[in-house]
């Protein structure tokens, strides 16, 4: 990775700056990033490190422009790690420095993201209908759940973790929405193999096979609901 300052499209250097701070071995390290890109990197939607860092240099104090000492870098990260690897570790383990107001806004935004995925992927187990968005948000804030949004994890990952808790504490009558897939297999031998696979665990626990007899002369179709 070049040590020259990289400038993402639409970004201006030294504006929208975010400091990620990481303390290890009793030494503080900081890197200068683009704020919105830090979240993209951590969620996996941004893979290009040059689009995240304002510069690939490591500081002991970004605000004062004080660079980290080489001996401190070697002590904390070892002698074999490249500067790119050091920056990646700081990004992964460090804490993004934001104001209390910014942090509250970020967490509220992530909570809404998680609620949106729940609305999209889950239904009421009784009515089989989607939940209103506002109802899901209230459920996530229920004291029994104690859901704390995490900007280090994707909204989808957090949805997968929180749905079992909503079920366990019966805050919502919730289940994953099922997907209906229609399979038409023309070979009887292949058809039997497909049915055996669908009826074996773990698919048998989540999928149901519905047979539909077509008009005379036409083949029987299998519809799978998962």
Protein backbone atom coordinates (compact mmCIF):
# COMPACT_ATOMS: atom_id res chain seq x y z
CA UNK A 1 0.00 0.00 0.00
CA UNK A 2 1.33 3.41 -0.96
CA UNK A 3 2.07 5.86 1.82
CA UNK A 4 0.57 8.69 -0.23
CA UNK A 5 -2.74 10.08 0.92
CA UNK A 6 -5.64 8.36 -0.85
CA UNK A 7 -8.83 10.26 -1.50
CA UNK A 8 -12.10 8.31 -2.01
CA UNK A 9 -14.43 9.57 -4.69
CA UNK A 10 -16.48 12.47 -3.36
CA UNK A 11 -14.34 12.80 -0.22
CA UNK A 12 -12.08 15.70 0.70
CA UNK A 13 -8.91 15.00 2.67
CA UNK A 14 -8.86 16.25 6.28
CA UNK A 15 -12.63 16.65 6.28
CA UNK A 16 -15.11 14.13 7.63
CA UNK A 17 -12.15 12.79 9.61
CA UNK A 18 -12.62 9.97 12.08
CA UNK A 19 -9.99 8.77 14.53
CA UNK A 20 -9.79 5.08 15.41
CA UNK A 21 -7.84 4.62 18.63
CA UNK A 22 -6.31 1.37 19.83
CA UNK A 23 -4.35 0.88 23.04
CA UNK A 24 -2.16 -2.17 23.48
CA UNK A 25 1.01 -2.95 25.46
CA UNK A 26 0.37 0.30 27.31
CA UNK A 27 0.81 2.32 24.11
CA UNK A 28 -1.82 4.36 22.26
CA UNK A 29 -2.08 4.19 18.48
CA UNK A 30 -4.40 6.15 16.19
CA UNK A 31 -5.25 6.15 12.50
CA UNK A 32 -7.09 8.82 10.49
CA UNK A 33 -10.08 7.51 8.54
CA UNK A 34 -13.16 8.67 6.70
CA UNK A 35 -15.99 8.28 9.22
CA UNK A 36 -18.60 6.72 6.96
CA UNK A 37 -16.01 4.32 5.53
CA UNK A 38 -15.09 2.87 8.94
CA UNK A 39 -18.60 1.43 9.29
CA UNK A 40 -18.52 0.14 5.71
CA UNK A 41 -15.20 -1.62 6.36
CA UNK A 42 -16.41 -3.22 9.56
CA UNK A 43 -19.65 -4.42 7.98
CA UNK A 44 -17.75 -5.87 5.04
CA UNK A 45 -19.29 -3.66 2.36
CA UNK A 46 -15.96 -1.87 1.76
CA UNK A 47 -12.94 -4.04 0.96
CA UNK A 48 -10.47 -1.41 -0.27
CA UNK A 49 -8.40 -0.15 2.66
CA UNK A 50 -7.26 2.87 0.63
CA UNK A 51 -10.88 4.02 0.53
CA UNK A 52 -11.07 3.92 4.34
CA UNK A 53 -7.81 5.55 5.45
CA UNK A 54 -7.01 9.22 4.99
CA UNK A 55 -3.37 8.11 5.20
CA UNK A 56 -1.82 4.74 6.01
CA UNK A 57 0.48 6.29 8.60
CA UNK A 58 -0.01 5.34 12.24
CA UNK A 59 -0.05 8.12 14.84
CA UNK A 60 0.24 8.34 18.59
CA UNK A 61 -1.91 11.48 18.34
CA UNK A 62 -3.71 12.30 15.07
CA UNK A 63 -4.94 15.73 16.21
CA UNK A 64 -1.42 16.90 16.98
CA UNK A 65 0.13 15.10 14.00
CA UNK A 66 2.47 13.05 16.21
CA UNK A 67 3.57 9.86 14.46
CA UNK A 68 3.87 6.57 16.33
CA UNK A 69 7.44 5.57 17.07
CA UNK A 70 8.84 2.66 15.10
CA UNK A 71 10.02 0.90 18.27
CA UNK A 72 6.50 1.16 19.73
CA UNK A 73 4.99 -0.31 16.57
CA UNK A 74 7.38 -3.25 16.68
CA UNK A 75 6.74 -3.80 20.38
CA UNK A 76 2.96 -3.79 19.96
CA UNK A 77 2.52 -5.50 16.59
CA UNK A 78 5.73 -7.42 16.05
CA UNK A 79 8.54 -6.92 13.57
CA UNK A 80 7.03 -8.83 10.64
CA UNK A 81 3.72 -7.01 10.19
CA UNK A 82 3.45 -4.52 7.37
CA UNK A 83 1.94 -1.07 7.93
CA UNK A 84 -1.18 -2.23 6.08
CA UNK A 85 -1.59 -5.17 8.47
CA UNK A 86 -1.10 -2.85 11.45
CA UNK A 87 -3.79 -0.48 10.15
CA UNK A 88 -6.18 -3.39 9.61
CA UNK A 89 -5.66 -4.56 13.20
CA UNK A 90 -6.26 -1.08 14.57
CA UNK A 91 -9.41 -0.81 12.43
CA UNK A 92 -10.67 -4.17 13.68
CA UNK A 93 -9.87 -3.76 17.37
CA UNK A 94 -9.78 0.00 17.89
CA UNK A 95 -12.50 2.32 19.11
CA UNK A 96 -13.94 4.95 16.82
CA UNK A 97 -13.78 8.31 18.55
CA UNK A 98 -17.17 10.01 18.33
CA UNK A 99 -19.21 12.36 20.49
CA UNK A 100 -21.97 11.01 22.71
CA UNK A 101 -24.55 12.53 20.37
CA UNK A 102 -22.97 10.94 17.29
CA UNK A 103 -22.75 7.57 19.03
CA UNK A 104 -26.42 7.74 20.00
CA UNK A 105 -27.41 8.57 16.42
CA UNK A 106 -25.29 5.73 15.05
CA UNK A 107 -26.77 3.18 17.44
CA UNK A 108 -30.30 4.37 16.69
CA UNK A 109 -29.62 4.05 12.97
CA UNK A 110 -28.26 0.51 13.38
CA UNK A 111 -31.28 -0.48 15.48
CA UNK A 112 -33.57 0.68 12.67
CA UNK A 113 -31.49 -1.31 10.18
CA UNK A 114 -31.86 -4.48 12.28
CA UNK A 115 -35.61 -3.87 12.65
CA UNK A 116 -35.94 -3.45 8.86
CA UNK A 117 -34.32 -6.83 8.21
CA UNK A 118 -36.55 -8.50 10.80
CA UNK A 119 -39.62 -7.02 9.05
CA UNK A 120 -38.29 -8.32 5.73
CA UNK A 121 -37.24 -11.81 6.86
CA UNK A 122 -39.72 -12.70 9.61
CA UNK A 123 -43.48 -12.97 10.15
CA UNK A 124 -45.98 -13.34 12.98
CA UNK A 125 -46.07 -17.07 13.73
CA UNK A 126 -49.87 -16.92 14.21
CA UNK A 127 -51.07 -14.62 11.42
CA UNK A 128 -48.15 -15.36 9.05
CA UNK A 129 -48.07 -11.64 8.25
CA UNK A 130 -45.10 -9.23 8.50
CA UNK A 131 -44.73 -7.05 11.59
CA UNK A 132 -45.09 -3.26 11.51
CA UNK A 133 -41.67 -1.65 11.69
CA UNK A 134 -42.55 0.38 14.79
CA UNK A 135 -43.64 -2.76 16.65
CA UNK A 136 -40.31 -4.46 15.97
CA UNK A 137 -38.38 -1.41 17.16
CA UNK A 138 -40.34 -1.41 20.43
CA UNK A 139 -39.66 -5.12 20.85
CA UNK A 140 -35.92 -4.60 20.42
CA UNK A 141 -36.01 -1.96 23.15
CA UNK A 142 -37.89 -4.27 25.54
CA UNK A 143 -35.99 -4.68 28.86
CA UNK A 144 -36.22 -8.47 28.53
CA UNK A 145 -34.20 -8.36 25.33
CA UNK A 146 -31.56 -5.79 26.25
CA UNK A 147 -30.58 -5.41 22.63
CA UNK A 148 -27.59 -3.11 22.18
CA UNK A 149 -26.80 -2.33 18.53
CA UNK A 150 -23.21 -3.05 17.55
CA UNK A 151 -21.66 -1.11 14.68
CA UNK A 152 -18.91 -3.73 14.42
CA UNK A 153 -21.45 -6.32 13.22
CA UNK A 154 -23.68 -6.22 10.17
CA UNK A 155 -27.39 -5.63 10.68
CA UNK A 156 -28.13 -9.09 9.25
CA UNK A 157 -25.76 -10.80 11.69
CA UNK A 158 -27.42 -9.02 14.60
CA UNK A 159 -30.85 -9.99 13.30
CA UNK A 160 -29.82 -13.67 13.33
CA UNK A 161 -28.66 -13.28 16.93
CA UNK A 162 -31.68 -11.36 18.25
CA UNK A 163 -34.59 -13.33 16.71
CA UNK A 164 -34.00 -16.38 18.99
CA UNK A 165 -34.09 -14.04 22.00
CA UNK A 166 -37.38 -12.54 20.86
CA UNK A 167 -38.74 -16.10 20.61
CA UNK A 168 -37.27 -17.20 23.93
CA UNK A 169 -38.73 -14.29 25.89
CA UNK A 170 -41.98 -14.34 23.86
CA UNK A 171 -41.78 -10.62 23.22
CA UNK A 172 -43.16 -11.33 19.73
CA UNK A 173 -44.82 -14.38 18.18
CA UNK A 174 -42.07 -14.47 15.60
CA UNK A 175 -40.67 -16.95 13.11
CA UNK A 176 -38.60 -16.80 9.94
CA UNK A 177 -40.70 -16.30 6.83
CA UNK A 178 -40.86 -19.44 4.74
CA UNK A 179 -39.92 -19.54 1.09
CA UNK A 180 -42.01 -21.52 -1.41
CA UNK A 181 -39.99 -23.24 -4.14
CA UNK A 182 -41.48 -25.37 -6.90
CA UNK A 183 -39.38 -28.25 -8.23
CA UNK A 184 -40.22 -30.08 -11.42
CA UNK A 185 -38.10 -33.21 -11.94
CA UNK A 186 -38.67 -35.20 -15.13
CA UNK A 187 -36.56 -38.24 -14.20
CA UNK A 188 -38.24 -40.58 -11.71
CA UNK A 189 -34.89 -41.75 -10.40
CA UNK A 190 -33.67 -38.19 -9.85
CA UNK A 191 -37.04 -37.27 -8.33
CA UNK A 192 -36.68 -39.98 -5.69
CA UNK A 193 -33.16 -38.80 -4.83
CA UNK A 194 -34.36 -35.21 -4.44
CA UNK A 195 -37.21 -36.29 -2.15
CA UNK A 196 -34.83 -38.36 -0.01
CA UNK A 197 -32.55 -35.34 0.42
CA UNK A 198 -35.45 -33.08 1.36
CA UNK A 199 -36.79 -35.58 3.89
CA UNK A 200 -33.37 -36.05 5.55
CA UNK A 201 -32.19 -33.92 8.46
CA UNK A 202 -31.66 -31.02 8.80
CA UNK A 203 -33.84 -30.08 5.82
CA UNK A 204 -36.73 -32.21 7.11
CA UNK A 205 -36.93 -29.98 10.18
CA UNK A 206 -37.47 -26.82 8.16
CA UNK A 207 -38.96 -27.92 4.84
CA UNK A 208 -42.26 -29.50 3.90
CA UNK A 209 -42.91 -31.19 0.57
CA UNK A 210 -46.33 -30.66 -0.94
CA UNK A 211 -47.35 -32.82 -3.90
CA UNK A 212 -49.60 -31.46 -6.57
CA UNK A 213 -51.17 -33.80 -9.10
CA UNK A 214 -51.50 -32.25 -12.52
CA UNK A 215 -54.07 -33.18 -15.14
CA UNK A 216 -53.94 -36.60 -16.72
CA UNK A 217 -50.86 -37.02 -18.85
CA UNK A 218 -48.89 -34.40 -16.98
CA UNK A 219 -46.25 -35.07 -14.36
CA UNK A 220 -46.77 -34.72 -10.63
CA UNK A 221 -44.99 -31.62 -9.29
CA UNK A 222 -43.31 -31.21 -5.93
CA UNK A 223 -43.57 -27.89 -4.12
CA UNK A 224 -41.11 -27.29 -1.31
CA UNK A 225 -41.90 -24.84 1.48
CA UNK A 226 -38.94 -23.87 3.69
